[in-house]
Protein backbone atom coordinates (compact mmCIF):
# COMPACT_ATOMS: atom_id res chain seq x y z
CA MET A 1 40.39 3.36 -21.68
CA LYS A 2 38.35 3.09 -18.33
CA VAL A 3 35.31 5.04 -18.36
CA ILE A 4 33.03 6.29 -15.50
CA LEU A 5 29.37 6.85 -16.50
CA VAL A 6 27.60 8.93 -13.57
CA TYR A 7 24.12 9.42 -13.97
CA TRP A 8 20.62 10.22 -12.32
CA SER A 9 17.56 8.79 -13.66
CA GLY A 10 13.97 9.52 -12.28
CA THR A 11 12.08 7.38 -14.62
CA GLY A 12 14.82 4.93 -16.32
CA ASN A 13 15.57 6.68 -19.03
CA THR A 14 18.68 7.83 -18.67
CA GLU A 15 19.84 4.67 -16.95
CA ALA A 16 19.16 2.77 -19.62
CA MET A 17 21.34 5.17 -21.74
CA ALA A 18 23.73 4.89 -19.47
CA GLN A 19 24.10 1.38 -19.43
CA ALA A 20 23.96 1.45 -23.31
CA VAL A 21 26.96 3.52 -23.40
CA ALA A 22 28.68 1.35 -21.26
CA GLU A 23 27.80 -2.05 -23.22
CA GLY A 24 29.59 0.09 -26.10
CA VAL A 25 32.51 0.98 -24.02
CA GLN A 26 33.07 -2.99 -23.24
CA ALA A 27 32.28 -3.96 -27.24
CA GLN A 28 35.65 -1.91 -27.90
CA GLY A 29 37.49 -3.45 -25.49
CA GLY A 30 37.06 -0.72 -22.84
CA GLU A 31 36.26 -0.55 -18.79
CA ALA A 32 33.20 1.04 -18.13
CA ALA A 33 31.84 1.62 -14.37
CA LEU A 34 28.63 2.87 -13.88
CA PHE A 35 27.24 4.94 -10.95
CA THR A 36 24.50 6.95 -9.75
CA ALA A 37 24.77 10.54 -8.92
CA GLY A 38 24.44 9.45 -5.12
CA LYS A 39 26.95 6.82 -5.36
CA PHE A 40 29.67 8.77 -7.18
CA ASP A 41 32.91 10.35 -4.92
CA VAL A 42 34.63 12.86 -6.60
CA ASP A 43 37.81 11.06 -5.67
CA MET A 44 36.89 8.45 -7.83
CA ALA A 45 37.80 11.04 -10.80
CA GLY A 46 41.23 10.20 -10.86
CA THR A 47 41.14 6.53 -11.66
CA PHE A 48 39.33 7.00 -14.76
CA ASN A 49 40.35 8.15 -18.29
CA THR A 50 36.94 9.68 -19.14
CA ILE A 51 33.84 10.59 -17.26
CA ALA A 52 30.69 10.69 -18.70
CA PHE A 53 27.70 12.47 -17.10
CA GLY A 54 23.69 11.88 -17.51
CA CYS A 55 20.79 13.75 -16.09
CA PRO A 56 17.17 14.73 -17.60
CA SER A 57 16.46 18.24 -17.45
CA MET A 58 14.14 18.98 -15.04
CA GLY A 59 11.54 21.98 -15.58
CA SER A 60 13.04 24.86 -17.65
CA GLU A 61 16.67 22.83 -18.70
CA GLU A 62 17.72 22.29 -14.59
CA LEU A 63 19.58 19.65 -13.05
CA GLU A 64 17.97 17.22 -10.59
CA GLU A 65 18.94 19.40 -7.52
CA SER A 66 19.09 16.89 -4.55
CA GLU A 67 21.60 14.47 -5.83
CA PHE A 68 23.12 15.56 -9.63
CA ALA A 69 23.59 18.93 -9.18
CA PRO A 70 25.10 18.94 -6.02
CA MET A 71 27.50 16.25 -7.64
CA PHE A 72 27.81 17.75 -10.90
CA SER A 73 29.09 21.13 -9.27
CA ALA A 74 31.67 19.23 -6.62
CA ALA A 75 33.10 17.72 -9.70
CA ALA A 76 33.30 20.57 -12.14
CA PRO A 77 36.80 21.63 -10.77
CA VAL A 78 38.12 18.04 -10.97
CA ASN A 79 37.35 17.51 -14.46
CA SER A 80 38.24 19.75 -17.30
CA THR A 81 36.68 17.40 -20.22
CA TRP A 82 33.04 17.43 -19.96
CA VAL A 83 31.25 14.60 -22.13
């Protein structure tokens, strides 16, 4: 299984969680790739079986708006299963 983990992390906590998920995938024999929201291109989605997104909420449960929210909105039509 090929998993892509796309995240935004302001303090490093979400990045650490994404790395832990990647290690878990690899420990089970899968392939995991990590990308920050700014480095992810929606065209990459088709080369993976699963996409997992991670972002802390900003304020009243809002996504980080400069990188993560636009990427997440662009990915929505491509992805039918959200993790």
